[in-house]
C-alpha atoms as a PDB file:
ATOM      1  CA  MET A   1       0.000   0.000   0.000  1.00  0.00           C
ATOM      2  CA  GLU A   2       2.841   2.414   0.763  1.00  0.00           C
ATOM      3  CA  LEU A   3       4.391   1.686  -2.641  1.00  0.00           C
ATOM      4  CA  GLN A   4       1.110   2.285  -4.441  1.00  0.00           C
ATOM      5  CA  LYS A   5       0.422   5.484  -2.491  1.00  0.00           C
ATOM      6  CA  LEU A   6       3.864   6.736  -3.486  1.00  0.00           C
ATOM      7  CA  LEU A   7       3.177   6.067  -7.174  1.00  0.00           C
ATOM      8  CA  GLU A   8      -0.038   8.071  -6.959  1.00  0.00           C
ATOM      9  CA  GLU A   9       1.271  10.935  -4.849  1.00  0.00           C
ATOM     10  CA  HIS A  10       4.626  11.576  -6.553  1.00  0.00           C
ATOM     11  CA  ASN A  11       5.123  12.201 -10.244  1.00  0.00           C
ATOM     12  CA  TYR A  12       8.087  10.601 -11.983  1.00  0.00           C
ATOM     13  CA  ASP A  13      10.142  13.604 -13.042  1.00  0.00           C
ATOM     14  CA  THR A  14      13.371  13.887 -15.045  1.00  0.00           C
ATOM     15  CA  VAL A  15      12.532  17.372 -16.287  1.00  0.00           C
ATOM     16  CA  GLY A  16      12.973  19.206 -12.979  1.00  0.00           C
ATOM     17  CA  ASN A  17      16.582  18.142 -12.395  1.00  0.00           C
ATOM     18  CA  PHE A  18      17.339  18.872 -16.074  1.00  0.00           C
ATOM     19  CA  LEU A  19      16.188  22.490 -15.638  1.00  0.00           C
ATOM     20  CA  GLU A  20      17.825  22.842 -12.224  1.00  0.00           C
ATOM     21  CA  LEU A  21      21.224  21.798 -13.576  1.00  0.00           C
ATOM     22  CA  TYR A  22      20.954  24.402 -16.332  1.00  0.00           C
ATOM     23  CA  GLN A  23      19.904  27.151 -13.926  1.00  0.00           C
ATOM     24  CA  HIS A  24      22.808  26.421 -11.582  1.00  0.00           C
ATOM     25  CA  PHE A  25      25.182  26.394 -14.544  1.00  0.00           C
ATOM     26  CA  LYS A  26      23.957  29.811 -15.724  1.00  0.00           C
ATOM     27  CA  ASN A  27      24.225  31.210 -12.204  1.00  0.00           C
ATOM     28  CA  SER A  28      27.778  29.882 -11.847  1.00  0.00           C
ATOM     29  CA  LYS A  29      29.028  32.092 -14.708  1.00  0.00           C
ATOM     30  CA  MET A  30      31.269  29.207 -15.780  1.00  0.00           C
ATOM     31  CA  ARG A  31      31.818  28.864 -19.510  1.00  0.00           C
ATOM     32  CA  SER A  32      32.260  25.104 -19.690  1.00  0.00           C
ATOM     33  CA  ALA A  33      29.231  22.910 -18.950  1.00  0.00           C
ATOM     34  CA  ILE A  34      31.530  19.878 -18.922  1.00  0.00           C
ATOM     35  CA  GLU A  35      33.697  21.379 -16.181  1.00  0.00           C
ATOM     36  CA  PHE A  36      30.623  22.470 -14.232  1.00  0.00           C
ATOM     37  CA  PHE A  37      29.085  18.995 -14.476  1.00  0.00           C
ATOM     38  CA  HIS A  38      32.108  17.473 -12.710  1.00  0.00           C
ATOM     39  CA  LYS A  39      31.760  19.892  -9.797  1.00  0.00           C
ATOM     40  CA  TYR A  40      27.961  19.955  -9.535  1.00  0.00           C
ATOM     41  CA  THR A  41      26.256  18.194  -6.610  1.00  0.00           C
ATOM     42  CA  PRO A  42      22.871  16.779  -7.704  1.00  0.00           C
ATOM     43  CA  LYS A  43      19.889  17.776  -5.597  1.00  0.00           C
ATOM     44  CA  ILE A  44      17.023  15.506  -4.517  1.00  0.00           C
ATOM     45  CA  THR A  45      13.880  17.528  -3.823  1.00  0.00           C
ATOM     46  CA  SER A  46      10.310  16.588  -2.976  1.00  0.00           C
ATOM     47  CA  GLU A  47       9.125  17.957  -6.338  1.00  0.00           C
ATOM     48  CA  HIS A  48      11.661  16.344  -8.636  1.00  0.00           C
ATOM     49  CA  HIS A  49      11.674  12.584  -8.148  1.00  0.00           C
ATOM     50  CA  THR A  50      13.612  10.366 -10.517  1.00  0.00           C
ATOM     51  CA  CYS A  51      14.123   6.700  -9.613  1.00  0.00           C
ATOM     52  CA  VAL A  52      16.631   7.854  -6.970  1.00  0.00           C
ATOM     53  CA  GLY A  53      14.274  10.221  -5.188  1.00  0.00           C
ATOM     54  CA  LEU A  54      11.386   7.758  -5.377  1.00  0.00           C
ATOM     55  CA  ALA A  55      13.438   4.913  -3.887  1.00  0.00           C
ATOM     56  CA  LEU A  56      14.737   7.159  -1.110  1.00  0.00           C
ATOM     57  CA  GLU A  57      11.233   8.455  -0.382  1.00  0.00           C
ATOM     58  CA  LEU A  58       9.845   4.919  -0.144  1.00  0.00           C
ATOM     59  CA  ARG A  59      12.636   3.885   2.211  1.00  0.00           C
ATOM     60  CA  HIS A  60      11.865   6.917   4.381  1.00  0.00           C
ATOM     61  CA  ARG A  61       8.146   6.114   4.473  1.00  0.00           C
ATOM     62  CA  LEU A  62       8.784   2.564   5.617  1.00  0.00           C
ATOM     63  CA  GLN A  63      10.488   3.860   8.771  1.00  0.00           C
ATOM     64  CA  GLN A  64       6.991   4.039  10.266  1.00  0.00           C
ATOM     65  CA  PHE A  65       7.065   0.259  10.665  1.00  0.00           C
ATOM     66  CA  LYS A  66       9.954   0.387  13.135  1.00  0.00           C
ATOM     67  CA  LYS A  67       7.593   0.053  16.118  1.00  0.00           C
ATOM     68  CA  SER A  68       6.292  -3.277  14.855  1.00  0.00           C
ATOM     69  CA  TYR A  69       9.595  -4.356  13.265  1.00  0.00           C
ATOM     70  CA  PRO A  70      12.465  -2.699  15.200  1.00  0.00           C
ATOM     71  CA  ASN A  71      15.178  -4.111  12.924  1.00  0.00           C
ATOM     72  CA  ILE A  72      13.516  -3.279   9.599  1.00  0.00           C
ATOM     73  CA  GLU A  73      15.847  -0.337   8.953  1.00  0.00           C
ATOM     74  CA  SER A  74      18.905  -2.593   8.900  1.00  0.00           C
ATOM     75  CA  HIS A  75      17.320  -4.749   6.179  1.00  0.00           C
ATOM     76  CA  LEU A  76      16.075  -1.967   3.884  1.00  0.00           C
ATOM     77  CA  CYS A  77      18.523  -0.559   1.381  1.00  0.00           C
ATOM     78  CA  ILE A  78      18.839   1.068  -2.023  1.00  0.00           C
ATOM     79  CA  VAL A  79      20.373  -1.221  -4.666  1.00  0.00           C
ATOM     80  CA  SER A  80      21.813  -0.407  -8.078  1.00  0.00           C
ATOM     81  CA  CYS A  81      20.729  -1.617 -11.477  1.00  0.00           C
ATOM     82  CA  GLU A  82      22.454  -1.752 -14.840  1.00  0.00           C
ATOM     83  CA  GLU A  83      19.979  -1.641 -17.706  1.00  0.00           C
ATOM     84  CA  ASN A  84      19.996  -3.453 -21.026  1.00  0.00           C
ATOM     85  CA  ILE A  85      22.796  -5.948 -20.459  1.00  0.00           C
ATOM     86  CA  ASP A  86      24.269  -7.640 -23.538  1.00  0.00           C
ATOM     87  CA  SER A  87      25.787 -10.561 -21.619  1.00  0.00           C
ATOM     88  CA  VAL A  88      24.581 -11.606 -18.173  1.00  0.00           C
ATOM     89  CA  ASP A  89      27.606 -13.881 -17.621  1.00  0.00           C
ATOM     90  CA  GLY A  90      30.008 -11.167 -18.756  1.00  0.00           C
ATOM     91  CA  TYR A  91      28.483  -8.554 -16.485  1.00  0.00           C
ATOM     92  CA  THR A  92      28.196 -10.743 -13.374  1.00  0.00           C
ATOM     93  CA  ALA A  93      31.823 -11.798 -13.845  1.00  0.00           C
ATOM     94  CA  LEU A  94      32.769  -8.198 -13.045  1.00  0.00           C
ATOM     95  CA  ARG A  95      31.816  -8.893  -9.407  1.00  0.00           C
ATOM     96  CA  ASP A  96      35.224 -10.495  -8.886  1.00  0.00           C
ATOM     97  CA  THR A  97      36.892  -7.157  -9.688  1.00  0.00           C
ATOM     98  CA  PHE A  98      34.665  -4.856  -7.628  1.00  0.00           C
ATOM     99  CA  ASP A  99      36.960  -4.882  -4.584  1.00  0.00           C
ATOM    100  CA  THR A 100      40.269  -4.697  -6.424  1.00  0.00           C
ATOM    101  CA  MET A 101      39.858  -2.327  -9.353  1.00  0.00           C
ATOM    102  CA  PRO A 102      37.442   0.384 -10.525  1.00  0.00           C
ATOM    103  CA  SER A 103      34.842  -0.556 -13.127  1.00  0.00           C
ATOM    104  CA  THR A 104      33.285   1.821 -15.632  1.00  0.00           C
ATOM    105  CA  LEU A 105      29.615   1.093 -15.052  1.00  0.00           C
ATOM    106  CA  GLU A 106      26.686   3.395 -15.754  1.00  0.00           C
ATOM    107  CA  LYS A 107      24.420   2.344 -12.843  1.00  0.00           C
ATOM    108  CA  GLU A 108      21.628   4.317 -14.495  1.00  0.00           C
ATOM    109  CA  HIS A 109      18.850   2.971 -12.270  1.00  0.00           C
ATOM    110  CA  CYS A 110      18.197   2.125  -8.630  1.00  0.00           C
ATOM    111  CA  LEU A 111      15.389   0.653  -6.546  1.00  0.00           C
ATOM    112  CA  MET A 112      14.627  -0.381  -2.970  1.00  0.00           C
ATOM    113  CA  CYS A 113      15.452  -3.811  -1.583  1.00  0.00           C
ATOM    114  CA  LEU A 114      14.721  -5.773   1.588  1.00  0.00           C
ATOM    115  CA  LYS A 115      16.616  -8.993   2.343  1.00  0.00           C
ATOM    116  CA  PHE A 116      14.976 -11.801   4.317  1.00  0.00           C
ATOM    117  CA  GLU A 117      15.022 -15.495   5.135  1.00  0.00           C
ATOM    118  CA  ILE A 118      12.149 -17.975   5.541  1.00  0.00           C
ATOM    119  CA  LYS A 119      13.297 -21.070   7.443  1.00  0.00           C
ATOM    120  CA  GLY A 120      16.741 -20.917   5.874  1.00  0.00           C
ATOM    121  CA  ARG A 121      15.460 -19.970   2.418  1.00  0.00           C
ATOM    122  CA  SER A 122      16.843 -16.598   1.362  1.00  0.00           C
ATOM    123  CA  GLY A 123      15.234 -13.993  -0.817  1.00  0.00           C
ATOM    124  CA  VAL A 124      14.737 -10.298  -1.442  1.00  0.00           C
ATOM    125  CA  LEU A 125      11.777  -7.987  -1.831  1.00  0.00           C
ATOM    126  CA  LEU A 126      12.195  -5.405  -4.593  1.00  0.00           C
ATOM    127  CA  CYS A 127      10.235  -2.160  -4.961  1.00  0.00           C
ATOM    128  CA  ASP A 128      10.702  -0.200  -8.169  1.00  0.00           C
ATOM    129  CA  PRO A 129       8.600   2.992  -8.209  1.00  0.00           C
ATOM    130  CA  GLY A 130      10.932   4.448 -10.837  1.00  0.00           C
ATOM    131  CA  TYR A 131       9.643   1.954 -13.407  1.00  0.00           C
ATOM    132  CA  HIS A 132       6.049   2.336 -12.185  1.00  0.00           C
ATOM    133  CA  VAL A 133       5.956  -1.206 -10.724  1.00  0.00           C
ATOM    134  CA  ALA A 134       2.963  -1.227  -8.380  1.00  0.00           C
ATOM    135  CA  ARG A 135       3.693  -4.555  -6.690  1.00  0.00           C
ATOM    136  CA  VAL A 136       6.341  -5.660  -4.232  1.00  0.00           C
ATOM    137  CA  VAL A 137       8.302  -8.289  -6.150  1.00  0.00           C
ATOM    138  CA  THR A 138       9.453 -11.355  -4.187  1.00  0.00           C
ATOM    139  CA  VAL A 139      12.595 -13.071  -5.476  1.00  0.00           C
ATOM    140  CA  MET A 140      13.500 -16.416  -3.872  1.00  0.00           C
ATOM    141  CA  THR A 141      16.791 -18.165  -4.507  1.00  0.00           C
ATOM    142  CA  ASP A 142      14.967 -21.496  -4.956  1.00  0.00           C
ATOM    143  CA  LYS A 143      12.193 -19.878  -7.096  1.00  0.00           C
ATOM    144  CA  ALA A 144       9.565 -21.553  -4.897  1.00  0.00           C
ATOM    145  CA  TYR A 145       6.612 -19.881  -3.136  1.00  0.00           C
ATOM    146  CA  PRO A 146       6.330 -16.931  -2.515  1.00  0.00           C
ATOM    147  CA  HIS A 147       8.549 -16.243  -5.542  1.00  0.00           C
ATOM    148  CA  THR A 148       7.001 -13.795  -8.047  1.00  0.00           C
ATOM    149  CA  SER A 149       7.317 -15.154 -11.557  1.00  0.00           C
ATOM    150  CA  TRP A 150       6.351 -13.438 -14.826  1.00  0.00           C
ATOM    151  CA  PHE A 151       3.691 -10.759 -14.401  1.00  0.00           C
ATOM    152  CA  THR A 152       2.047  -8.209 -16.675  1.00  0.00           C
ATOM    153  CA  GLN A 153       3.490  -4.772 -16.024  1.00  0.00           C
ATOM    154  CA  SER A 154       1.426  -2.844 -18.588  1.00  0.00           C
ATOM    155  CA  GLU A 155      -0.942  -3.407 -21.470  1.00  0.00           C
ATOM    156  CA  GLU A 156      -1.895  -0.559 -23.775  1.00  0.00           C
ATOM    157  CA  ASN A 157      -2.463  -0.032 -27.519  1.00  0.00           C
ATOM    158  CA  ASN A 158      -1.715  -3.683 -28.332  1.00  0.00           C
ATOM    159  CA  ILE A 159       1.590  -3.444 -26.464  1.00  0.00           C
ATOM    160  CA  HIS A 160       1.883  -6.107 -23.762  1.00  0.00           C
ATOM    161  CA  LYS A 161       4.825  -5.700 -21.370  1.00  0.00           C
ATOM    162  CA  GLU A 162       5.844  -8.394 -18.867  1.00  0.00           C
ATOM    163  CA  TYR A 163       8.529  -8.458 -16.161  1.00  0.00           C
ATOM    164  CA  CYS A 164      10.286 -11.297 -14.349  1.00  0.00           C
ATOM    165  CA  TYR A 165      12.937 -11.156 -11.610  1.00  0.00           C
ATOM    166  CA  SER A 166      15.167 -14.058 -10.567  1.00  0.00           C
ATOM    167  CA  PHE A 167      18.552 -14.617  -8.971  1.00  0.00           C
ATOM    168  CA  CYS A 168      21.338 -15.112 -11.495  1.00  0.00           C
ATOM    169  CA  THR A 169      22.317 -18.766 -11.725  1.00  0.00           C
ATOM    170  CA  VAL A 170      26.040 -17.964 -11.815  1.00  0.00           C
ATOM    171  CA  LYS A 171      26.165 -15.432  -8.973  1.00  0.00           C
ATOM    172  CA  SER A 172      23.347 -14.995  -6.452  1.00  0.00           C
ATOM    173  CA  THR A 173      24.730 -11.555  -5.615  1.00  0.00           C
ATOM    174  CA  PHE A 174      22.762 -10.368  -8.650  1.00  0.00           C
ATOM    175  CA  VAL A 175      19.084 -10.425  -9.588  1.00  0.00           C
ATOM    176  CA  GLN A 176      18.294 -10.692 -13.282  1.00  0.00           C
ATOM    177  CA  TRP A 177      15.430  -8.484 -14.481  1.00  0.00           C
ATOM    178  CA  ASP A 178      13.903  -9.739 -17.716  1.00  0.00           C
ATOM    179  CA  GLU A 179      11.383  -7.764 -19.715  1.00  0.00           C
ATOM    180  CA  ARG A 180       9.501  -8.966 -22.770  1.00  0.00           C
ATOM    181  CA  THR A 181       7.359  -6.688 -24.889  1.00  0.00           C
ATOM    182  CA  THR A 182       4.853  -8.071 -27.371  1.00  0.00           C
ATOM    183  CA  LYS A 183       3.522  -5.816 -30.133  1.00  0.00           C
ATOM    184  CA  ASN A 184       1.602  -7.059 -33.162  1.00  0.00           C
ATOM    185  CA  ASP A 185       2.636 -10.641 -32.327  1.00  0.00           C
ATOM    186  CA  LYS A 186       6.336  -9.645 -32.366  1.00  0.00           C
ATOM    187  CA  GLN A 187       8.312 -10.023 -29.155  1.00  0.00           C
ATOM    188  CA  GLU A 188      11.374  -8.082 -27.997  1.00  0.00           C
ATOM    189  CA  GLY A 189      13.475  -8.741 -24.928  1.00  0.00           C
ATOM    190  CA  PHE A 190      15.414  -6.636 -22.434  1.00  0.00           C
ATOM    191  CA  THR A 191      17.638  -7.716 -19.547  1.00  0.00           C
ATOM    192  CA  GLY A 192      18.845  -5.665 -16.614  1.00  0.00           C
ATOM    193  CA  ILE A 193      21.007  -6.684 -13.664  1.00  0.00           C
ATOM    194  CA  ILE A 194      20.385  -5.628 -10.056  1.00  0.00           C
ATOM    195  CA  TYR A 195      23.285  -5.871  -7.600  1.00  0.00           C
ATOM    196  CA  VAL A 196      21.793  -6.933  -4.251  1.00  0.00           C
ATOM    197  CA  GLU A 197      24.871  -8.035  -2.306  1.00  0.00           C
ATOM    198  CA  ARG A 198      25.540  -4.589  -0.839  1.00  0.00           C
ATOM    199  CA  PRO A 199      23.627  -1.324  -0.354  1.00  0.00           C
ATOM    200  CA  TYR A 200      24.113   1.276  -3.068  1.00  0.00           C
ATOM    201  CA  LEU A 201      25.619   4.237  -1.202  1.00  0.00           C
ATOM    202  CA  THR A 202      26.293   6.561  -4.142  1.00  0.00           C
ATOM    203  CA  ALA A 203      22.878   6.662  -5.814  1.00  0.00           C
ATOM    204  CA  VAL A 204      22.739  10.469  -5.757  1.00  0.00           C
ATOM    205  CA  ASP A 205      26.284  11.102  -6.924  1.00  0.00           C
ATOM    206  CA  VAL A 206      26.257   8.400  -9.620  1.00  0.00           C
ATOM    207  CA  THR A 207      22.725   7.510 -10.771  1.00  0.00           C
ATOM    208  CA  GLU A 208      21.170  10.950 -10.271  1.00  0.00           C
ATOM    209  CA  ARG A 209      24.218  12.561 -11.891  1.00  0.00           C
ATOM    210  CA  ARG A 210      23.962  10.130 -14.820  1.00  0.00           C
ATOM    211  CA  ASN A 211      20.307  11.020 -15.202  1.00  0.00           C
ATOM    212  CA  LEU A 212      21.045  14.743 -15.457  1.00  0.00           C
ATOM    213  CA  ILE A 213      22.278  14.538 -19.035  1.00  0.00           C
ATOM    214  CA  TYR A 214      20.324  11.525 -20.281  1.00  0.00           C
ATOM    215  CA  PRO A 215      18.890  12.516 -23.712  1.00  0.00           C
ATOM    216  CA  PHE A 216      15.261  11.699 -22.890  1.00  0.00           C
ATOM    217  CA  ARG A 217      13.183  13.664 -20.406  1.00  0.00           C
ATOM    218  CA  SER A 218       9.738  12.950 -19.003  1.00  0.00           C
ATOM    219  CA  LEU A 219       7.303  14.198 -16.375  1.00  0.00           C
ATOM    220  CA  LEU A 220       4.617  11.611 -15.633  1.00  0.00           C
ATOM    221  CA  SER A 221       1.732  11.058 -13.231  1.00  0.00           C
ATOM    222  CA  ARG A 222       0.691   7.518 -12.302  1.00  0.00           C
ATOM    223  CA  ASP A 223      -2.228   5.901 -10.507  1.00  0.00           C
ATOM    224  CA  GLN A 224      -1.873   3.379  -7.681  1.00  0.00           C
ATOM    225  CA  LYS A 225      -1.484   0.534 -10.178  1.00  0.00           C
ATOM    226  CA  GLY A 226       1.389   2.268 -11.934  1.00  0.00           C
ATOM    227  CA  HIS A 227      -0.675   3.152 -15.004  1.00  0.00           C
ATOM    228  CA  LEU A 228       0.332   6.398 -16.680  1.00  0.00           C
ATOM    229  CA  ILE A 229      -2.382   9.041 -16.442  1.00  0.00           C
ATOM    230  CA  ALA A 230      -0.863  12.179 -17.955  1.00  0.00           C
ATOM    231  CA  GLY A 231       2.536  13.592 -18.777  1.00  0.00           C
ATOM    232  CA  VAL A 232       5.005  15.070 -21.212  1.00  0.00           C
ATOM    233  CA  TYR A 233       8.176  13.701 -22.775  1.00  0.00           C
ATOM    234  CA  PHE A 234      10.792  14.784 -25.316  1.00  0.00           C
ATOM    235  CA  LYS A 235      14.261  14.018 -26.637  1.00  0.00           C
ATOM    236  CA  ILE A 236      17.289  16.206 -26.088  1.00  0.00           C
ATOM    237  CA  LYS A 237      19.001  16.907 -29.391  1.00  0.00           C
ATOM    238  CA  LEU A 238      20.082  19.857 -31.486  1.00  0.00           C
ATOM    239  CA  LYS A 239      17.343  21.642 -33.436  1.00  0.00           C
ATOM    240  CA  ASN A 240      14.637  19.699 -31.593  1.00  0.00           C
ATOM    241  CA  ASP A 241      11.491  21.730 -31.013  1.00  0.00           C
ATOM    242  CA  GLU A 242       8.986  18.952 -30.382  1.00  0.00           C
ATOM    243  CA  PHE A 243       7.495  17.396 -27.278  1.00  0.00           C
ATOM    244  CA  THR A 244       4.557  15.064 -26.653  1.00  0.00           C
ATOM    245  CA  VAL A 245       1.810  15.634 -24.106  1.00  0.00           C
ATOM    246  CA  PHE A 246      -0.750  12.989 -23.137  1.00  0.00           C
ATOM    247  CA  TYR A 247      -3.793  13.025 -20.878  1.00  0.00           C
ATOM    248  CA  GLN A 248      -7.141  11.321 -20.306  1.00  0.00           C
ATOM    249  CA  ASP A 249     -10.161  12.665 -22.198  1.00  0.00           C
ATOM    250  CA  MET A 250     -12.552   9.873 -23.272  1.00  0.00           C
ATOM    251  CA  GLY A 251      -9.506   7.640 -23.510  1.00  0.00           C
ATOM    252  CA  LYS A 252      -5.825   8.504 -23.623  1.00  0.00           C
ATOM    253  CA  GLN A 253      -5.055  11.453 -25.899  1.00  0.00           C
ATOM    254  CA  ARG A 254      -1.528  11.950 -27.202  1.00  0.00           C
ATOM    255  CA  VAL A 255      -0.603  15.242 -28.921  1.00  0.00           C
ATOM    256  CA  LYS A 256       2.683  16.509 -30.386  1.00  0.00           C
ATOM    257  CA  MET A 257       3.448  20.180 -29.805  1.00  0.00           C
ATOM    258  CA  ASN A 258       6.323  22.607 -30.368  1.00  0.00           C
ATOM    259  CA  PHE A 259       8.231  24.434 -27.652  1.00  0.00           C
ATOM    260  CA  SER A 260       8.530  27.505 -29.863  1.00  0.00           C
ATOM    261  CA  SER A 261       4.732  27.802 -29.974  1.00  0.00           C
ATOM    262  CA  LEU A 262       4.740  28.256 -26.195  1.00  0.00           C
ATOM    263  CA  LEU A 263       7.267  31.088 -26.373  1.00  0.00           C
ATOM    264  CA  GLN A 264       5.045  33.301 -28.513  1.00  0.00           C
ATOM    265  CA  THR A 265       3.299  36.404 -27.156  1.00  0.00           C
ATOM    266  CA  GLU A 266      -0.042  34.754 -27.849  1.00  0.00           C
ATOM    267  CA  ILE A 267      -0.372  31.007 -27.415  1.00  0.00           C
ATOM    268  CA  ASN A 268      -2.949  28.951 -29.292  1.00  0.00           C
ATOM    269  CA  GLU A 269      -6.054  28.499 -27.138  1.00  0.00           C
ATOM    270  CA  ASP A 270      -6.457  24.846 -28.074  1.00  0.00           C
ATOM    271  CA  MET A 271      -2.868  24.130 -26.962  1.00  0.00           C
ATOM    272  CA  LEU A 272      -3.476  25.909 -23.671  1.00  0.00           C
ATOM    273  CA  LYS A 273      -6.657  23.937 -23.092  1.00  0.00           C
ATOM    274  CA  LYS A 274      -4.887  20.601 -23.609  1.00  0.00           C
ATOM    275  CA  LEU A 275      -1.949  21.606 -21.422  1.00  0.00           C
ATOM    276  CA  THR A 276      -4.369  22.700 -18.696  1.00  0.00           C
ATOM    277  CA  ILE A 277      -6.074  19.293 -18.743  1.00  0.00           C
ATOM    278  CA  ALA A 278      -2.692  17.553 -18.479  1.00  0.00           C
ATOM    279  CA  ASN A 279      -1.568  19.999 -15.773  1.00  0.00           C
ATOM    280  CA  ASP A 280      -4.602  19.166 -13.622  1.00  0.00           C
ATOM    281  CA  GLN A 281      -4.266  15.412 -14.134  1.00  0.00           C
ATOM    282  CA  MET A 282      -0.612  15.679 -13.118  1.00  0.00           C
ATOM    283  CA  ARG A 283      -1.726  17.425  -9.902  1.00  0.00           C
ATOM    284  CA  LEU A 284       0.483  20.451 -10.592  1.00  0.00           C
ATOM    285  CA  GLN A 285      -0.101  24.005  -9.442  1.00  0.00           C
ATOM    286  CA  LYS A 286      -2.086  26.108 -11.891  1.00  0.00           C
ATOM    287  CA  GLY A 287       0.065  27.039 -14.885  1.00  0.00           C
ATOM    288  CA  LYS A 288       3.045  24.951 -13.672  1.00  0.00           C
ATOM    289  CA  LEU A 289       3.206  22.661 -16.706  1.00  0.00           C
ATOM    290  CA  LEU A 290       3.160  25.595 -19.131  1.00  0.00           C
ATOM    291  CA  SER A 291       5.925  27.464 -17.308  1.00  0.00           C
ATOM    292  CA  THR A 292       8.019  24.286 -17.080  1.00  0.00           C
ATOM    293  CA  LEU A 293       7.727  23.653 -20.815  1.00  0.00           C
ATOM    294  CA  GLN A 294       8.558  27.285 -21.557  1.00  0.00           C
ATOM    295  CA  GLN A 295      11.743  26.939 -19.503  1.00  0.00           C
ATOM    296  CA  CYS A 296      12.587  23.794 -21.468  1.00  0.00           C
ATOM    297  CA  GLY A 297      12.008  25.670 -24.716  1.00  0.00           C
ATOM    298  CA  GLU A 298      14.426  28.421 -23.670  1.00  0.00           C
ATOM    299  CA  LEU A 299      17.041  25.845 -22.637  1.00  0.00           C
ATOM    300  CA  LEU A 300      16.792  23.984 -25.932  1.00  0.00           C
ATOM    301  CA  LYS A 301      17.676  27.200 -27.776  1.00  0.00           C
ATOM    302  CA  ASP A 302      21.084  27.217 -26.054  1.00  0.00           C
ATOM    303  CA  GLU A 303      22.994  25.222 -28.684  1.00  0.00           C
ATOM    304  CA  HIS A 304      26.392  25.619 -27.029  1.00  0.00           C
ATOM    305  CA  TYR A 305      25.106  24.148 -23.772  1.00  0.00           C
ATOM    306  CA  LEU A 306      23.320  21.311 -25.593  1.00  0.00           C
ATOM    307  CA  LYS A 307      26.441  20.401 -27.559  1.00  0.00           C
ATOM    308  CA  GLU A 308      28.443  20.103 -24.351  1.00  0.00           C
ATOM    309  CA  THR A 309      25.845  18.031 -22.496  1.00  0.00           C
ATOM    310  CA  LEU A 310      25.401  15.749 -25.507  1.00  0.00           C
ATOM    311  CA  ALA A 311      29.191  15.340 -25.573  1.00  0.00           C
ATOM    312  CA  ILE A 312      29.100  14.236 -21.915  1.00  0.00           C
ATOM    313  CA  GLU A 313      26.350  11.746 -22.766  1.00  0.00           C
ATOM    314  CA  ASN A 314      28.433  10.370 -25.633  1.00  0.00           C
ATOM    315  CA  LEU A 315      31.534  10.030 -23.451  1.00  0.00           C
ATOM    316  CA  ILE A 316      29.616   8.077 -20.812  1.00  0.00           C
ATOM    317  CA  SER A 317      28.149   5.768 -23.453  1.00  0.00           C
ATOM    318  CA  VAL A 318      31.565   5.120 -25.015  1.00  0.00           C
ATOM    319  CA  MET A 319      33.192   4.446 -21.636  1.00  0.00           C
ATOM    320  CA  SER A 320      30.500   1.968 -20.611  1.00  0.00           C
ATOM    321  CA  GLU A 321      30.705   0.168 -23.976  1.00  0.00           C
ATOM    322  CA  ASN A 322      34.451  -0.195 -23.654  1.00  0.00           C
ATOM    323  CA  ASN A 323      34.240  -1.648 -20.156  1.00  0.00           C
END
């Protein structure tokens, strides 16, 4: 229930930290965004929750159970996740080098974990509000009850998405996260790896920092089941002027708009009406969505800044591929 309440009460937001980084850069008077990025300390606020903020917020909320379960705090932790792994065996083999040499890993995602034992049988509970997962996933080493097997994560517009979590057969210090998406009878797969042996102590400095320059931004509201209600999303690239807004109005409506249209003296009434509907369904203050998108539009006109942040993104991608 706490996980589902969190999904409903907090939007998933990678737009807020994107704008905040830019504002701090402009205020710093530094000329190099790359140099500033190295020195910048990411902020976690109650308004701007990426997977890091959501996992930390959930862990904080679960402190209320300390009266009934005094030791719960020592079992709850944030764990790291590497997305879209090419080779599970190759990645898990890196565990042997963790304590002796640095590894160039992205660690682009994190979630909350609780370790437990049932009569000598070990397992973990995983909570992933960052990926809109509305259930607490149980992963048992022996895959017996109460192990959570494949489950439907979302189903919309003929796109059926399923998740499954299981301990890696080679190293039980990792949980393998498999995703399969079926669209028009064609199936695609995705595999991520979650490191559950130790708590992830650098989620803000690594994962949140990585997220700051990721070339896809979104601001999304969810219901208690993790279904997307309303939101906006767009890609970060040079000469891009387009974003997508979606909301509920006799079914899900999805509309493409241009940032430049929101920077005009007079804005199209129909656009304003649609943004107002989305704003309300995202539970934002009146006019907040419009002002946020206008700030994004101004940022995307700064080509020098974009070139530098895209260069950082490219460097991170190359480093992780070479690892």
